[in-house]
Amino acid sequence: MTLLTQAQNAGLAKRLDALDLRLRDDIRATLLQSGDQTYIELAGLVHDLGDEAAANQLIGIDDTLIERHVQELRAIEAARRRLADGSINCCIECGDDIGYKRLRVYPVALRCLVCQAQHEKTHAHEGAPRM
């Protein structure tokens, strides 16, 4: 595994900090917006089943968005730990280099391009709705 330079590590740390700040701002904005839109406002005072379903869906979207942001924050924290212990450039599948160019674009990457492509093929339908 190739060790990254001090400048590369500093650049990745800065990128992780920027991602963290953006996500926290997004979470804050979503929570503020959802706090302004109570269920009654979304469904209306006199609502039918369609209005109620739409309100439930909008509330669910906010919850899902916040959960996605929280998962991304966890990935950022894990990347910071890997950066601190020097393993951020190590693929979790094969142990080869992930590559600085890839990390610069996606600093929470866990796999090299080859392993990521295989992972996506293998897990392409996970979490897909069942019909």
Protein backbone atom coordinates (compact mmCIF):
# COMPACT_ATOMS: atom_id res chain seq x y z
CA MET A 1 0.00 0.00 0.00
CA THR A 2 1.30 3.43 -0.96
CA LEU A 3 1.30 5.96 1.86
CA LEU A 4 -0.14 9.35 1.05
CA THR A 5 1.93 12.49 1.51
CA GLN A 6 1.32 14.89 4.36
CA ALA A 7 -0.15 17.40 1.87
CA GLN A 8 -2.49 14.75 0.45
CA ASN A 9 -3.62 13.78 3.96
CA ALA A 10 -4.23 17.44 4.81
CA GLY A 11 -6.24 17.87 1.61
CA LEU A 12 -8.39 14.84 2.42
CA ALA A 13 -8.95 16.08 5.97
CA LYS A 14 -10.07 19.44 4.61
CA ARG A 15 -12.40 17.74 2.12
CA LEU A 16 -13.90 15.56 4.89
CA ASP A 17 -14.45 18.68 7.03
CA ALA A 18 -16.25 20.40 4.15
CA LEU A 19 -18.49 17.36 3.54
CA ASP A 20 -19.25 17.14 7.26
CA LEU A 21 -20.23 20.82 7.43
CA ARG A 22 -22.45 20.56 4.33
CA LEU A 23 -24.26 17.50 5.69
CA ARG A 24 -24.83 19.09 9.09
CA ASP A 25 -26.23 22.19 7.37
CA ASP A 26 -28.52 19.99 5.24
CA ILE A 27 -29.76 18.13 8.32
CA ARG A 28 -30.38 21.40 10.16
CA ALA A 29 -32.29 22.84 7.17
CA THR A 30 -34.39 19.68 6.78
CA LEU A 31 -35.27 19.66 10.48
CA LEU A 32 -36.18 23.35 10.42
CA GLN A 33 -38.34 22.86 7.35
CA SER A 34 -40.07 19.79 8.78
CA GLY A 35 -40.68 21.68 12.03
CA ASP A 36 -42.51 24.35 10.04
CA GLN A 37 -44.67 21.82 8.25
CA THR A 38 -46.76 20.07 10.84
CA TYR A 39 -48.89 17.15 9.81
CA ILE A 40 -52.05 19.24 9.95
CA GLU A 41 -50.52 21.87 7.65
CA LEU A 42 -49.44 19.18 5.20
CA ALA A 43 -52.74 17.32 5.20
CA GLY A 44 -54.99 20.37 5.63
CA LEU A 45 -57.59 20.92 8.30
CA VAL A 46 -60.24 19.00 6.40
CA HIS A 47 -58.43 16.30 4.56
CA ASP A 48 -59.29 13.26 2.57
CA LEU A 49 -57.33 10.02 2.36
CA GLY A 50 -55.30 11.34 -0.57
CA ASP A 51 -54.19 14.41 1.39
CA GLU A 52 -53.32 12.22 4.37
CA ALA A 53 -51.30 9.83 2.20
CA ALA A 54 -49.42 12.74 0.62
CA ALA A 55 -48.64 14.21 4.06
CA ASN A 56 -47.39 10.85 5.32
CA GLN A 57 -45.20 10.49 2.26
CA LEU A 58 -43.66 13.96 2.68
CA ILE A 59 -42.93 13.32 6.35
CA GLY A 60 -41.36 9.97 5.42
CA ILE A 61 -39.16 11.63 2.80
CA ASP A 62 -37.77 14.04 5.40
CA ASP A 63 -37.06 11.15 7.79
CA THR A 64 -35.37 9.14 5.04
CA LEU A 65 -33.27 12.13 3.97
CA ILE A 66 -32.09 12.76 7.53
CA GLU A 67 -31.22 9.06 7.99
CA ARG A 68 -29.21 9.12 4.75
CA HIS A 69 -27.31 12.20 5.96
CA VAL A 70 -26.59 10.55 9.31
CA GLN A 71 -25.21 7.47 7.51
CA GLU A 72 -22.98 9.77 5.44
CA LEU A 73 -21.74 11.48 8.64
CA ARG A 74 -20.83 8.04 10.02
CA ALA A 75 -18.90 7.28 6.82
CA ILE A 76 -17.03 10.58 7.22
CA GLU A 77 -16.10 9.72 10.82
CA ALA A 78 -14.88 6.28 9.71
CA ALA A 79 -12.81 7.93 6.95
CA ARG A 80 -11.29 10.28 9.53
CA ARG A 81 -10.27 7.27 11.63
CA ARG A 82 -8.70 5.60 8.58
CA LEU A 83 -6.93 8.86 7.75
CA ALA A 84 -5.55 9.08 11.31
CA ASP A 85 -4.27 5.49 11.33
CA GLY A 86 -2.87 5.69 7.80
CA SER A 87 -5.21 3.15 6.21
CA ILE A 88 -7.45 5.51 4.20
CA ASN A 89 -5.74 4.49 0.94
CA CYS A 90 -6.17 0.74 1.58
CA CYS A 91 -9.02 -1.14 -0.15
CA ILE A 92 -11.08 -3.12 2.38
CA GLU A 93 -11.51 -5.96 -0.13
CA CYS A 94 -8.10 -6.59 -1.69
CA GLY A 95 -5.71 -4.37 0.30
CA ASP A 96 -4.47 -2.54 -2.81
CA ASP A 97 -4.34 1.25 -3.09
CA ILE A 98 -7.63 3.07 -3.53
CA GLY A 99 -5.73 5.92 -5.13
CA TYR A 100 -5.45 9.57 -4.16
CA LYS A 101 -7.39 10.78 -7.21
CA ARG A 102 -10.38 8.63 -6.19
CA LEU A 103 -10.12 9.69 -2.56
CA ARG A 104 -9.89 13.35 -3.53
CA VAL A 105 -13.22 13.05 -5.35
CA TYR A 106 -14.84 10.63 -2.87
CA PRO A 107 -12.88 10.71 0.41
CA VAL A 108 -15.09 8.11 2.12
CA ALA A 109 -14.29 5.45 -0.51
CA LEU A 110 -13.67 2.02 0.98
CA ARG A 111 -12.67 0.13 -2.16
CA CYS A 112 -10.40 0.49 -5.17
CA LEU A 113 -12.16 0.91 -8.52
CA VAL A 114 -11.90 -2.80 -9.43
CA CYS A 115 -13.36 -3.99 -6.11
CA GLN A 116 -16.01 -1.25 -6.13
CA ALA A 117 -17.19 -2.33 -9.59
CA GLN A 118 -17.39 -5.95 -8.41
CA HIS A 119 -19.23 -4.89 -5.23
CA GLU A 120 -21.78 -2.95 -7.27
CA LYS A 121 -22.36 -5.95 -9.57
CA THR A 122 -22.77 -8.30 -6.64
CA HIS A 123 -25.00 -6.02 -4.56
CA ALA A 124 -26.84 -4.21 -7.37
CA HIS A 125 -30.31 -5.20 -6.21
CA GLU A 126 -29.90 -4.98 -2.44
CA GLY A 127 -32.48 -2.74 -0.91
CA ALA A 128 -34.55 -2.69 -4.09
CA PRO A 129 -38.29 -2.81 -3.48
CA ARG A 130 -39.80 -6.24 -3.81
CA MET A 131 -42.79 -6.52 -6.13
